[in-house]
Amino acid sequence: TYQLIDKTNMQYGIRIGIYFPDNEQVEKMVNTDGVNLFYDSIEN
């Protein structure tokens, strides 16, 4: 997927904007419930 972002930008001469998640929220989630918490429940 990352390779495709670069290839698309180069082919069309554009720059796709990229938005990242808030690092503090990610850290809190992972430290509380694990890196693969999504397998445990639909809620997670």
PDB file of all heavy atoms in Angstrom:
ATOM      1  N   THR A   1       0.830  -1.201   0.000  1.00  0.00           N
ATOM      2  CA  THR A   1       0.000   0.000   0.000  1.00  0.00           C
ATOM      3  C   THR A   1       0.868   1.256   0.000  1.00  0.00           C
ATOM      4  O   THR A   1       0.598   2.220  -0.717  1.00  0.00           O
ATOM      5  CB  THR A   1      -0.950  -0.002   1.212  1.00  0.00           C
ATOM      6  OG1 THR A   1      -1.745  -1.199   1.176  1.00  0.00           O
ATOM      7  CG2 THR A   1      -1.869   1.208   1.188  1.00  0.00           C
ATOM      8  N   TYR A   2       1.920   1.235   0.800  1.00  0.00           N
ATOM      9  CA  TYR A   2       2.839   2.379   0.808  1.00  0.00           C
ATOM     10  C   TYR A   2       3.517   2.542  -0.556  1.00  0.00           C
ATOM     11  O   TYR A   2       3.713   3.658  -1.041  1.00  0.00           O
ATOM     12  CB  TYR A   2       3.889   2.200   1.905  1.00  0.00           C
ATOM     13  CG  TYR A   2       3.322   2.273   3.295  1.00  0.00           C
ATOM     14  CD1 TYR A   2       3.277   1.140   4.114  1.00  0.00           C
ATOM     15  CD2 TYR A   2       2.822   3.472   3.801  1.00  0.00           C
ATOM     16  CE1 TYR A   2       2.745   1.197   5.397  1.00  0.00           C
ATOM     17  CE2 TYR A   2       2.289   3.536   5.086  1.00  0.00           C
ATOM     18  CZ  TYR A   2       2.252   2.391   5.876  1.00  0.00           C
ATOM     19  OH  TYR A   2       1.727   2.458   7.142  1.00  0.00           O
ATOM     20  N   GLN A   3       3.862   1.414  -1.177  1.00  0.00           N
ATOM     21  CA  GLN A   3       4.463   1.464  -2.502  1.00  0.00           C
ATOM     22  C   GLN A   3       3.507   2.088  -3.517  1.00  0.00           C
ATOM     23  O   GLN A   3       3.918   2.853  -4.394  1.00  0.00           O
ATOM     24  CB  GLN A   3       4.872   0.057  -2.947  1.00  0.00           C
ATOM     25  CG  GLN A   3       6.014  -0.546  -2.144  1.00  0.00           C
ATOM     26  CD  GLN A   3       6.152  -2.050  -2.328  1.00  0.00           C
ATOM     27  OE1 GLN A   3       5.512  -2.645  -3.209  1.00  0.00           O
ATOM     28  NE2 GLN A   3       6.981  -2.681  -1.513  1.00  0.00           N
ATOM     29  N   LEU A   4       2.231   1.774  -3.361  1.00  0.00           N
ATOM     30  CA  LEU A   4       1.227   2.306  -4.287  1.00  0.00           C
ATOM     31  C   LEU A   4       1.068   3.823  -4.126  1.00  0.00           C
ATOM     32  O   LEU A   4       0.870   4.526  -5.117  1.00  0.00           O
ATOM     33  CB  LEU A   4      -0.122   1.611  -4.062  1.00  0.00           C
ATOM     34  CG  LEU A   4      -1.265   2.081  -4.961  1.00  0.00           C
ATOM     35  CD1 LEU A   4      -0.938   1.854  -6.439  1.00  0.00           C
ATOM     36  CD2 LEU A   4      -2.570   1.359  -4.602  1.00  0.00           C
ATOM     37  N   ILE A   5       1.157   4.313  -2.901  1.00  0.00           N
ATOM     38  CA  ILE A   5       1.083   5.760  -2.685  1.00  0.00           C
ATOM     39  C   ILE A   5       2.185   6.456  -3.471  1.00  0.00           C
ATOM     40  O   ILE A   5       1.941   7.432  -4.202  1.00  0.00           O
ATOM     41  CB  ILE A   5       1.196   6.103  -1.184  1.00  0.00           C
ATOM     42  CG1 ILE A   5      -0.034   5.593  -0.426  1.00  0.00           C
ATOM     43  CG2 ILE A   5       1.342   7.613  -0.992  1.00  0.00           C
ATOM     44  CD1 ILE A   5       0.079   5.720   1.086  1.00  0.00           C
ATOM     45  N   ASP A   6       3.403   5.949  -3.354  1.00  0.00           N
ATOM     46  CA  ASP A   6       4.533   6.550  -4.068  1.00  0.00           C
ATOM     47  C   ASP A   6       4.352   6.454  -5.585  1.00  0.00           C
ATOM     48  O   ASP A   6       4.604   7.421  -6.314  1.00  0.00           O
ATOM     49  CB  ASP A   6       5.840   5.861  -3.673  1.00  0.00           C
ATOM     50  CG  ASP A   6       6.377   6.354  -2.332  1.00  0.00           C
ATOM     51  OD1 ASP A   6       5.926   7.417  -1.873  1.00  0.00           O
ATOM     52  OD2 ASP A   6       7.230   5.664  -1.747  1.00  0.00           O
ATOM     53  N   LYS A   7       3.920   5.285  -6.045  1.00  0.00           N
ATOM     54  CA  LYS A   7       3.757   5.087  -7.486  1.00  0.00           C
ATOM     55  C   LYS A   7       2.684   6.013  -8.047  1.00  0.00           C
ATOM     56  O   LYS A   7       2.836   6.582  -9.141  1.00  0.00           O
ATOM     57  CB  LYS A   7       3.399   3.624  -7.783  1.00  0.00           C
ATOM     58  CG  LYS A   7       3.337   3.310  -9.269  1.00  0.00           C
ATOM     59  CD  LYS A   7       3.151   1.827  -9.516  1.00  0.00           C
ATOM     60  CE  LYS A   7       3.145   1.530 -11.019  1.00  0.00           C
ATOM     61  NZ  LYS A   7       2.995   0.084 -11.303  1.00  0.00           N
ATOM     62  N   THR A   8       1.590   6.185  -7.308  1.00  0.00           N
ATOM     63  CA  THR A   8       0.509   7.058  -7.758  1.00  0.00           C
ATOM     64  C   THR A   8       0.970   8.507  -7.818  1.00  0.00           C
ATOM     65  O   THR A   8       0.700   9.225  -8.787  1.00  0.00           O
ATOM     66  CB  THR A   8      -0.707   6.927  -6.812  1.00  0.00           C
ATOM     67  OG1 THR A   8      -1.124   5.563  -6.754  1.00  0.00           O
ATOM     68  CG2 THR A   8      -1.871   7.785  -7.298  1.00  0.00           C
ATOM     69  N   ASN A   9       1.687   8.944  -6.791  1.00  0.00           N
ATOM     70  CA  ASN A   9       2.218  10.305  -6.786  1.00  0.00           C
ATOM     71  C   ASN A   9       3.137  10.559  -7.979  1.00  0.00           C
ATOM     72  O   ASN A   9       3.057  11.600  -8.639  1.00  0.00           O
ATOM     73  CB  ASN A   9       2.989  10.569  -5.493  1.00  0.00           C
ATOM     74  CG  ASN A   9       2.089  10.826  -4.305  1.00  0.00           C
ATOM     75  OD1 ASN A   9       0.948  11.279  -4.454  1.00  0.00           O
ATOM     76  ND2 ASN A   9       2.590  10.547  -3.114  1.00  0.00           N
ATOM     77  N   MET A  10       3.994   9.598  -8.263  1.00  0.00           N
ATOM     78  CA  MET A  10       4.956   9.768  -9.357  1.00  0.00           C
ATOM     79  C   MET A  10       4.268   9.732 -10.715  1.00  0.00           C
ATOM     80  O   MET A  10       4.588  10.527 -11.602  1.00  0.00           O
ATOM     81  CB  MET A  10       6.040   8.687  -9.274  1.00  0.00           C
ATOM     82  CG  MET A  10       7.016   8.890  -8.131  1.00  0.00           C
ATOM     83  SD  MET A  10       8.425   7.743  -8.182  1.00  0.00           S
ATOM     84  CE  MET A  10       7.620   6.206  -7.754  1.00  0.00           C
ATOM     85  N   GLN A  11       3.325   8.814 -10.897  1.00  0.00           N
ATOM     86  CA  GLN A  11       2.667   8.674 -12.201  1.00  0.00           C
ATOM     87  C   GLN A  11       1.866   9.919 -12.566  1.00  0.00           C
ATOM     88  O   GLN A  11       1.862  10.341 -13.731  1.00  0.00           O
ATOM     89  CB  GLN A  11       1.758   7.444 -12.215  1.00  0.00           C
ATOM     90  CG  GLN A  11       1.003   7.274 -13.542  1.00  0.00           C
ATOM     91  CD  GLN A  11       0.499   5.864 -13.741  1.00  0.00           C
ATOM     92  OE1 GLN A  11       1.168   4.887 -13.394  1.00  0.00           O
ATOM     93  NE2 GLN A  11      -0.693   5.729 -14.317  1.00  0.00           N
ATOM     94  N   TYR A  12       1.182  10.506 -11.585  1.00  0.00           N
ATOM     95  CA  TYR A  12       0.305  11.646 -11.885  1.00  0.00           C
ATOM     96  C   TYR A  12       0.935  12.998 -11.566  1.00  0.00           C
ATOM     97  O   TYR A  12       0.333  14.033 -11.862  1.00  0.00           O
ATOM     98  CB  TYR A  12      -1.013  11.497 -11.127  1.00  0.00           C
ATOM     99  CG  TYR A  12      -1.827  10.301 -11.575  1.00  0.00           C
ATOM    100  CD1 TYR A  12      -1.970   9.188 -10.749  1.00  0.00           C
ATOM    101  CD2 TYR A  12      -2.428  10.272 -12.833  1.00  0.00           C
ATOM    102  CE1 TYR A  12      -2.709   8.087 -11.156  1.00  0.00           C
ATOM    103  CE2 TYR A  12      -3.155   9.178 -13.254  1.00  0.00           C
ATOM    104  CZ  TYR A  12      -3.299   8.085 -12.415  1.00  0.00           C
ATOM    105  OH  TYR A  12      -4.021   7.003 -12.829  1.00  0.00           O
ATOM    106  N   GLY A  13       2.111  12.983 -10.963  1.00  0.00           N
ATOM    107  CA  GLY A  13       2.740  14.242 -10.607  1.00  0.00           C
ATOM    108  C   GLY A  13       1.965  14.996  -9.541  1.00  0.00           C
ATOM    109  O   GLY A  13       1.825  16.222  -9.590  1.00  0.00           O
ATOM    110  N   ILE A  14       1.437  14.248  -8.564  1.00  0.00           N
ATOM    111  CA  ILE A  14       0.638  14.836  -7.493  1.00  0.00           C
ATOM    112  C   ILE A  14       1.252  14.477  -6.141  1.00  0.00           C
ATOM    113  O   ILE A  14       2.266  13.778  -6.078  1.00  0.00           O
ATOM    114  CB  ILE A  14      -0.825  14.334  -7.545  1.00  0.00           C
ATOM    115  CG1 ILE A  14      -0.882  12.801  -7.369  1.00  0.00           C
ATOM    116  CG2 ILE A  14      -1.480  14.757  -8.850  1.00  0.00           C
ATOM    117  CD1 ILE A  14      -2.293  12.238  -7.247  1.00  0.00           C
ATOM    118  N   ARG A  15       0.638  14.952  -5.090  1.00  0.00           N
ATOM    119  CA  ARG A  15       1.062  14.592  -3.742  1.00  0.00           C
ATOM    120  C   ARG A  15      -0.196  14.285  -2.936  1.00  0.00           C
ATOM    121  O   ARG A  15      -0.926  15.191  -2.562  1.00  0.00           O
ATOM    122  CB  ARG A  15       1.853  15.730  -3.100  1.00  0.00           C
ATOM    123  CG  ARG A  15       2.361  15.436  -1.697  1.00  0.00           C
ATOM    124  CD  ARG A  15       3.405  14.343  -1.684  1.00  0.00           C
ATOM    125  NE  ARG A  15       4.594  14.687  -2.459  1.00  0.00           N
ATOM    126  CZ  ARG A  15       5.597  13.848  -2.666  1.00  0.00           C
ATOM    127  NH1 ARG A  15       5.541  12.620  -2.164  1.00  0.00           N
ATOM    128  NH2 ARG A  15       6.643  14.211  -3.389  1.00  0.00           N
ATOM    129  N   ILE A  16      -0.458  13.004  -2.721  1.00  0.00           N
ATOM    130  CA  ILE A  16      -1.610  12.594  -1.923  1.00  0.00           C
ATOM    131  C   ILE A  16      -1.373  13.011  -0.476  1.00  0.00           C
ATOM    132  O   ILE A  16      -0.334  12.702   0.107  1.00  0.00           O
ATOM    133  CB  ILE A  16      -1.816  11.070  -2.013  1.00  0.00           C
ATOM    134  CG1 ILE A  16      -2.168  10.665  -3.450  1.00  0.00           C
ATOM    135  CG2 ILE A  16      -2.909  10.608  -1.044  1.00  0.00           C
ATOM    136  CD1 ILE A  16      -2.225   9.160  -3.671  1.00  0.00           C
ATOM    137  N   GLY A  17      -2.341  13.710   0.109  1.00  0.00           N
ATOM    138  CA  GLY A  17      -2.223  14.105   1.503  1.00  0.00           C
ATOM    139  C   GLY A  17      -2.361  12.895   2.412  1.00  0.00           C
ATOM    140  O   GLY A  17      -3.111  11.973   2.109  1.00  0.00           O
ATOM    141  N   ILE A  18      -1.627  12.883   3.511  1.00  0.00           N
ATOM    142  CA  ILE A  18      -1.661  11.741   4.435  1.00  0.00           C
ATOM    143  C   ILE A  18      -1.982  12.224   5.836  1.00  0.00           C
ATOM    144  O   ILE A  18      -1.357  13.160   6.344  1.00  0.00           O
ATOM    145  CB  ILE A  18      -0.326  10.972   4.434  1.00  0.00           C
ATOM    146  CG1 ILE A  18      -0.053  10.408   3.030  1.00  0.00           C
ATOM    147  CG2 ILE A  18      -0.344   9.848   5.473  1.00  0.00           C
ATOM    148  CD1 ILE A  18       1.255   9.653   2.905  1.00  0.00           C
ATOM    149  N   TYR A  19      -2.976  11.579   6.445  1.00  0.00           N
ATOM    150  CA  TYR A  19      -3.365  11.887   7.819  1.00  0.00           C
ATOM    151  C   TYR A  19      -3.039  10.691   8.707  1.00  0.00           C
ATOM    152  O   TYR A  19      -3.370   9.546   8.374  1.00  0.00           O
ATOM    153  CB  TYR A  19      -4.860  12.200   7.905  1.00  0.00           C
ATOM    154  CG  TYR A  19      -5.214  13.557   7.339  1.00  0.00           C
ATOM    155  CD1 TYR A  19      -5.384  13.725   5.963  1.00  0.00           C
ATOM    156  CD2 TYR A  19      -5.361  14.662   8.165  1.00  0.00           C
ATOM    157  CE1 TYR A  19      -5.695  14.969   5.428  1.00  0.00           C
ATOM    158  CE2 TYR A  19      -5.674  15.916   7.642  1.00  0.00           C
ATOM    159  CZ  TYR A  19      -5.840  16.060   6.279  1.00  0.00           C
ATOM    160  OH  TYR A  19      -6.149  17.286   5.758  1.00  0.00           O
ATOM    161  N   PHE A  20      -2.403  10.967   9.840  1.00  0.00           N
ATOM    162  CA  PHE A  20      -2.016   9.930  10.796  1.00  0.00           C
ATOM    163  C   PHE A  20      -2.909   9.991  12.032  1.00  0.00           C
ATOM    164  O   PHE A  20      -3.439  11.054  12.368  1.00  0.00           O
ATOM    165  CB  PHE A  20      -0.556  10.132  11.226  1.00  0.00           C
ATOM    166  CG  PHE A  20       0.447   9.980  10.125  1.00  0.00           C
ATOM    167  CD1 PHE A  20       0.883  11.082   9.401  1.00  0.00           C
ATOM    168  CD2 PHE A  20       0.952   8.729   9.801  1.00  0.00           C
ATOM    169  CE1 PHE A  20       1.810  10.958   8.377  1.00  0.00           C
ATOM    170  CE2 PHE A  20       1.882   8.581   8.792  1.00  0.00           C
ATOM    171  CZ  PHE A  20       2.306   9.699   8.068  1.00  0.00           C
ATOM    172  N   PRO A  21      -3.044   8.875  12.747  1.00  0.00           N
ATOM    173  CA  PRO A  21      -3.786   8.905  14.013  1.00  0.00           C
ATOM    174  C   PRO A  21      -3.000   9.644  15.084  1.00  0.00           C
ATOM    175  O   PRO A  21      -1.771   9.792  14.986  1.00  0.00           O
ATOM    176  CB  PRO A  21      -3.942   7.417  14.365  1.00  0.00           C
ATOM    177  CG  PRO A  21      -2.815   6.741  13.676  1.00  0.00           C
ATOM    178  CD  PRO A  21      -2.575   7.519  12.408  1.00  0.00           C
ATOM    179  N   ASP A  22      -3.691  10.093  16.109  1.00  0.00           N
ATOM    180  CA  ASP A  22      -3.050  10.763  17.231  1.00  0.00           C
ATOM    181  C   ASP A  22      -2.168   9.774  17.982  1.00  0.00           C
ATOM    182  O   ASP A  22      -2.633   8.739  18.450  1.00  0.00           O
ATOM    183  CB  ASP A  22      -4.122  11.332  18.167  1.00  0.00           C
ATOM    184  CG  ASP A  22      -3.524  12.016  19.374  1.00  0.00           C
ATOM    185  OD1 ASP A  22      -3.107  13.166  19.254  1.00  0.00           O
ATOM    186  OD2 ASP A  22      -3.472  11.364  20.443  1.00  0.00           O
ATOM    187  N   ASN A  23      -0.890  10.071  18.109  1.00  0.00           N
ATOM    188  CA  ASN A  23       0.042   9.103  18.695  1.00  0.00           C
ATOM    189  C   ASN A  23      -0.267   8.791  20.159  1.00  0.00           C
ATOM    190  O   ASN A  23      -0.092   7.658  20.622  1.00  0.00           O
ATOM    191  CB  ASN A  23       1.484   9.598  18.557  1.00  0.00           C
ATOM    192  CG  ASN A  23       1.783  10.836  19.390  1.00  0.00           C
ATOM    193  OD1 ASN A  23       1.178  11.883  19.157  1.00  0.00           O
ATOM    194  ND2 ASN A  23       2.686  10.729  20.348  1.00  0.00           N
ATOM    195  N   GLU A  24      -0.753   9.768  20.908  1.00  0.00           N
ATOM    196  CA  GLU A  24      -1.055   9.526  22.315  1.00  0.00           C
ATOM    197  C   GLU A  24      -2.225   8.558  22.478  1.00  0.00           C
ATOM    198  O   GLU A  24      -2.208   7.687  23.366  1.00  0.00           O
ATOM    199  CB  GLU A  24      -1.346  10.846  23.020  1.00  0.00           C
ATOM    200  CG  GLU A  24      -0.123  11.736  23.168  1.00  0.00           C
ATOM    201  CD  GLU A  24      -0.415  12.986  23.968  1.00  0.00           C
ATOM    202  OE1 GLU A  24      -1.571  13.158  24.427  1.00  0.00           O
ATOM    203  OE2 GLU A  24       0.511  13.813  24.141  1.00  0.00           O
ATOM    204  N   GLN A  25      -3.237   8.704  21.630  1.00  0.00           N
ATOM    205  CA  GLN A  25      -4.373   7.785  21.683  1.00  0.00           C
ATOM    206  C   GLN A  25      -3.958   6.365  21.314  1.00  0.00           C
ATOM    207  O   GLN A  25      -4.394   5.397  21.947  1.00  0.00           O
ATOM    208  CB  GLN A  25      -5.481   8.252  20.734  1.00  0.00           C
ATOM    209  CG  GLN A  25      -6.182   9.520  21.168  1.00  0.00           C
ATOM    210  CD  GLN A  25      -7.386   9.812  20.299  1.00  0.00           C
ATOM    211  OE1 GLN A  25      -8.272   8.972  20.116  1.00  0.00           O
ATOM    212  NE2 GLN A  25      -7.421  11.007  19.735  1.00  0.00           N
ATOM    213  N   VAL A  26      -3.099   6.239  20.293  1.00  0.00           N
ATOM    214  CA  VAL A  26      -2.628   4.912  19.876  1.00  0.00           C
ATOM    215  C   VAL A  26      -1.804   4.276  20.990  1.00  0.00           C
ATOM    216  O   VAL A  26      -1.994   3.092  21.328  1.00  0.00           O
ATOM    217  CB  VAL A  26      -1.796   5.006  18.576  1.00  0.00           C
ATOM    218  CG1 VAL A  26      -1.176   3.645  18.252  1.00  0.00           C
ATOM    219  CG2 VAL A  26      -2.663   5.474  17.417  1.00  0.00           C
ATOM    220  N   GLU A  27      -0.912   5.035  21.574  1.00  0.00           N
ATOM    221  CA  GLU A  27      -0.071   4.503  22.648  1.00  0.00           C
ATOM    222  C   GLU A  27      -0.916   4.032  23.835  1.00  0.00           C
ATOM    223  O   GLU A  27      -0.683   2.953  24.391  1.00  0.00           O
ATOM    224  CB  GLU A  27       0.920   5.572  23.107  1.00  0.00           C
ATOM    225  CG  GLU A  27       2.055   5.813  22.132  1.00  0.00           C
ATOM    226  CD  GLU A  27       2.960   6.953  22.559  1.00  0.00           C
ATOM    227  OE1 GLU A  27       2.754   7.486  23.672  1.00  0.00           O
ATOM    228  OE2 GLU A  27       3.868   7.309  21.789  1.00  0.00           O
ATOM    229  N   LYS A  28      -1.884   4.820  24.217  1.00  0.00           N
ATOM    230  CA  LYS A  28      -2.740   4.461  25.348  1.00  0.00           C
ATOM    231  C   LYS A  28      -3.523   3.183  25.052  1.00  0.00           C
ATOM    232  O   LYS A  28      -3.609   2.278  25.892  1.00  0.00           O
ATOM    233  CB  LYS A  28      -3.701   5.602  25.671  1.00  0.00           C
ATOM    234  CG  LYS A  28      -4.603   5.317  26.862  1.00  0.00           C
ATOM    235  CD  LYS A  28      -5.507   6.508  27.158  1.00  0.00           C
ATOM    236  CE  LYS A  28      -6.432   6.195  28.333  1.00  0.00           C
ATOM    237  NZ  LYS A  28      -7.341   7.351  28.629  1.00  0.00           N
ATOM    238  N   MET A  29      -4.078   3.084  23.857  1.00  0.00           N
ATOM    239  CA  MET A  29      -4.854   1.909  23.461  1.00  0.00           C
ATOM    240  C   MET A  29      -3.996   0.649  23.466  1.00  0.00           C
ATOM    241  O   MET A  29      -4.377  -0.389  24.030  1.00  0.00           O
ATOM    242  CB  MET A  29      -5.458   2.124  22.071  1.00  0.00           C
ATOM    243  CG  MET A  29      -6.192   0.920  21.497  1.00  0.00           C
ATOM    244  SD  MET A  29      -6.884   1.255  19.853  1.00  0.00           S
ATOM    245  CE  MET A  29      -5.400   1.491  18.864  1.00  0.00           C
ATOM    246  N   VAL A  30      -2.837   0.723  22.839  1.00  0.00           N
ATOM    247  CA  VAL A  30      -1.958  -0.442  22.725  1.00  0.00           C
ATOM    248  C   VAL A  30      -1.403  -0.857  24.086  1.00  0.00           C
ATOM    249  O   VAL A  30      -1.331  -2.052  24.412  1.00  0.00           O
ATOM    250  CB  VAL A  30      -0.816  -0.146  21.723  1.00  0.00           C
ATOM    251  CG1 VAL A  30       0.231  -1.246  21.777  1.00  0.00           C
ATOM    252  CG2 VAL A  30      -1.375  -0.018  20.309  1.00  0.00           C
ATOM    253  N   ASN A  31      -1.015   0.109  24.899  1.00  0.00           N
ATOM    254  CA  ASN A  31      -0.468  -0.204  26.218  1.00  0.00           C
ATOM    255  C   ASN A  31      -1.530  -0.757  27.166  1.00  0.00           C
ATOM    256  O   ASN A  31      -1.212  -1.503  28.093  1.00  0.00           O
ATOM    257  CB  ASN A  31       0.186   1.034  26.829  1.00  0.00           C
ATOM    258  CG  ASN A  31       1.530   1.348  26.190  1.00  0.00           C
ATOM    259  OD1 ASN A  31       2.308   0.444  25.909  1.00  0.00           O
ATOM    260  ND2 ASN A  31       1.806   2.619  25.958  1.00  0.00           N
ATOM    261  N   THR A  32      -2.788  -0.409  26.911  1.00  0.00           N
ATOM    262  CA  THR A  32      -3.877  -0.883  27.773  1.00  0.00           C
ATOM    263  C   THR A  32      -4.405  -2.242  27.338  1.00  0.00           C
ATOM    264  O   THR A  32      -4.598  -3.147  28.165  1.00  0.00           O
ATOM    265  CB  THR A  32      -5.034   0.128  27.772  1.00  0.00           C
ATOM    266  OG1 THR A  32      -4.573   1.386  28.244  1.00  0.00           O
ATOM    267  CG2 THR A  32      -6.167  -0.353  28.675  1.00  0.00           C
ATOM    268  N   ASP A  33      -4.604  -2.415  26.036  1.00  0.00           N
ATOM    269  CA  ASP A  33      -5.286  -3.616  25.545  1.00  0.00           C
ATOM    270  C   ASP A  33      -4.486  -4.468  24.571  1.00  0.00           C
ATOM    271  O   ASP A  33      -4.994  -5.465  24.066  1.00  0.00           O
ATOM    272  CB  ASP A  33      -6.615  -3.215  24.892  1.00  0.00           C
ATOM    273  CG  ASP A  33      -7.589  -2.629  25.908  1.00  0.00           C
ATOM    274  OD1 ASP A  33      -7.855  -3.311  26.915  1.00  0.00           O
ATOM    275  OD2 ASP A  33      -8.064  -1.505  25.702  1.00  0.00           O
ATOM    276  N   GLY A  34      -3.251  -4.092  24.272  1.00  0.00           N
ATOM    277  CA  GLY A  34      -2.417  -4.917  23.399  1.00  0.00           C
ATOM    278  C   GLY A  34      -2.397  -4.429  21.965  1.00  0.00           C
ATOM    279  O   GLY A  34      -3.303  -3.729  21.506  1.00  0.00           O
ATOM    280  N   VAL A  35      -1.379  -4.834  21.254  1.00  0.00           N
ATOM    281  CA  VAL A  35      -1.180  -4.353  19.886  1.00  0.00           C
ATOM    282  C   VAL A  35      -2.217  -4.918  18.918  1.00  0.00           C
ATOM    283  O   VAL A  35      -2.543  -4.299  17.904  1.00  0.00           O
ATOM    284  CB  VAL A  35       0.260  -4.671  19.421  1.00  0.00           C
ATOM    285  CG1 VAL A  35       0.453  -6.172  19.217  1.00  0.00           C
ATOM    286  CG2 VAL A  35       0.613  -3.891  18.163  1.00  0.00           C
ATOM    287  N   ASN A  36      -2.743  -6.108  19.218  1.00  0.00           N
ATOM    288  CA  ASN A  36      -3.749  -6.735  18.346  1.00  0.00           C
ATOM    289  C   ASN A  36      -5.084  -6.904  19.064  1.00  0.00           C
ATOM    290  O   ASN A  36      -5.756  -7.926  18.955  1.00  0.00           O
ATOM    291  CB  ASN A  36      -3.246  -8.098  17.850  1.00  0.00           C
ATOM    292  CG  ASN A  36      -2.113  -7.959  16.848  1.00  0.00           C
ATOM    293  OD1 ASN A  36      -2.038  -6.985  16.097  1.00  0.00           O
ATOM    294  ND2 ASN A  36      -1.216  -8.930  16.835  1.00  0.00           N
ATOM    295  N   LEU A  37      -5.505  -5.893  19.770  1.00  0.00           N
ATOM    296  CA  LEU A  37      -6.739  -5.939  20.573  1.00  0.00           C
ATOM    297  C   LEU A  37      -7.979  -6.213  19.747  1.00  0.00           C
ATOM    298  O   LEU A  37      -8.973  -6.745  20.261  1.00  0.00           O
ATOM    299  CB  LEU A  37      -6.914  -4.617  21.309  1.00  0.00           C
ATOM    300  CG  LEU A  37      -7.281  -3.382  20.465  1.00  0.00           C
ATOM    301  CD1 LEU A  37      -7.940  -2.336  21.370  1.00  0.00           C
ATOM    302  CD2 LEU A  37      -6.100  -2.775  19.745  1.00  0.00           C
ATOM    303  N   PHE A  38      -7.953  -5.880  18.463  1.00  0.00           N
ATOM    304  CA  PHE A  38      -9.133  -5.986  17.597  1.00  0.00           C
ATOM    305  C   PHE A  38      -9.615  -7.415  17.410  1.00  0.00           C
ATOM    306  O   PHE A  38     -10.758  -7.641  17.027  1.00  0.00           O
ATOM    307  CB  PHE A  38      -8.839  -5.349  16.233  1.00  0.00           C
ATOM    308  CG  PHE A  38      -7.419  -5.517  15.775  1.00  0.00           C
ATOM    309  CD1 PHE A  38      -6.978  -6.697  15.225  1.00  0.00           C
ATOM    310  CD2 PHE A  38      -6.514  -4.477  15.942  1.00  0.00           C
ATOM    311  CE1 PHE A  38      -5.673  -6.857  14.821  1.00  0.00           C
ATOM    312  CE2 PHE A  38      -5.192  -4.617  15.532  1.00  0.00           C
ATOM    313  CZ  PHE A  38      -4.765  -5.809  14.974  1.00  0.00           C
ATOM    314  N   TYR A  39      -8.763  -8.408  17.677  1.00  0.00           N
ATOM    315  CA  TYR A  39      -9.193  -9.797  17.566  1.00  0.00           C
ATOM    316  C   TYR A  39     -10.046 -10.230  18.762  1.00  0.00           C
ATOM    317  O   TYR A  39     -10.746 -11.243  18.699  1.00  0.00           O
ATOM    318  CB  TYR A  39      -7.988 -10.737  17.472  1.00  0.00           C
ATOM    319  CG  TYR A  39      -7.145 -10.594  16.224  1.00  0.00           C
ATOM    320  CD1 TYR A  39      -5.759 -10.529  16.306  1.00  0.00           C
ATOM    321  CD2 TYR A  39      -7.740 -10.546  14.957  1.00  0.00           C
ATOM    322  CE1 TYR A  39      -4.974 -10.408  15.167  1.00  0.00           C
ATOM    323  CE2 TYR A  39      -6.962 -10.416  13.815  1.00  0.00           C
ATOM    324  CZ  TYR A  39      -5.581 -10.359  13.918  1.00  0.00           C
ATOM    325  OH  TYR A  39      -4.807 -10.237  12.784  1.00  0.00           O
ATOM    326  N   ASP A  40      -9.996  -9.485  19.856  1.00  0.00           N
ATOM    327  CA  ASP A  40     -10.654  -9.903  21.097  1.00  0.00           C
ATOM    328  C   ASP A  40     -12.153  -9.657  21.110  1.00  0.00           C
ATOM    329  O   ASP A  40     -12.909 -10.414  21.726  1.00  0.00           O
ATOM    330  CB  ASP A  40     -10.016  -9.198  22.305  1.00  0.00           C
ATOM    331  CG  ASP A  40      -8.555  -9.577  22.488  1.00  0.00           C
ATOM    332  OD1 ASP A  40      -8.186 -10.690  22.064  1.00  0.00           O
ATOM    333  OD2 ASP A  40      -7.803  -8.764  23.040  1.00  0.00           O
ATOM    334  N   SER A  41     -12.599  -8.594  20.454  1.00  0.00           N
ATOM    335  CA  SER A  41     -14.032  -8.280  20.448  1.00  0.00           C
ATOM    336  C   SER A  41     -14.338  -7.268  19.364  1.00  0.00           C
ATOM    337  O   SER A  41     -13.443  -6.536  18.907  1.00  0.00           O
ATOM    338  CB  SER A  41     -14.467  -7.710  21.801  1.00  0.00           C
ATOM    339  OG  SER A  41     -13.889  -6.426  22.007  1.00  0.00           O
ATOM    340  N   ILE A  42     -15.601  -7.210  18.947  1.00  0.00           N
ATOM    341  CA  ILE A  42     -16.026  -6.214  17.965  1.00  0.00           C
ATOM    342  C   ILE A  42     -15.836  -4.812  18.537  1.00  0.00           C
ATOM    343  O   ILE A  42     -15.442  -3.884  17.840  1.00  0.00           O
ATOM    344  CB  ILE A  42     -17.489  -6.440  17.559  1.00  0.00           C
ATOM    345  CG1 ILE A  42     -17.620  -7.752  16.779  1.00  0.00           C
ATOM    346  CG2 ILE A  42     -18.013  -5.276  16.716  1.00  0.00           C
ATOM    347  CD1 ILE A  42     -19.027  -8.095  16.365  1.00  0.00           C
ATOM    348  N   GLU A  43     -16.097  -4.668  19.843  1.00  0.00           N
ATOM    349  CA  GLU A  43     -15.944  -3.365  20.489  1.00  0.00           C
ATOM    350  C   GLU A  43     -14.497  -2.876  20.395  1.00  0.00           C
ATOM    351  O   GLU A  43     -14.246  -1.702  20.090  1.00  0.00           O
ATOM    352  CB  GLU A  43     -16.370  -3.457  21.959  1.00  0.00           C
ATOM    353  CG  GLU A  43     -17.861  -3.632  22.187  1.00  0.00           C
ATOM    354  CD  GLU A  43     -18.354  -5.029  21.821  1.00  0.00           C
ATOM    355  OE1 GLU A  43     -17.533  -5.986  21.844  1.00  0.00           O
ATOM    356  OE2 GLU A  43     -19.559  -5.161  21.510  1.00  0.00           O
ATOM    357  N   ASN A  44     -13.551  -3.788  20.639  1.00  0.00           N
ATOM    358  CA  ASN A  44     -12.139  -3.413  20.538  1.00  0.00           C
ATOM    359  C   ASN A  44     -11.746  -3.085  19.100  1.00  0.00           C
ATOM    360  O   ASN A  44     -10.956  -2.168  18.858  1.00  0.00           O
ATOM    361  CB  ASN A  44     -11.248  -4.534  21.069  1.00  0.00           C
ATOM    362  CG  ASN A  44     -11.076  -4.493  22.570  1.00  0.00           C
ATOM    363  OD1 ASN A  44     -11.517  -3.552  23.227  1.00  0.00           O
ATOM    364  ND2 ASN A  44     -10.454  -5.513  23.132  1.00  0.00           N
TER     365      ASN A  44
END
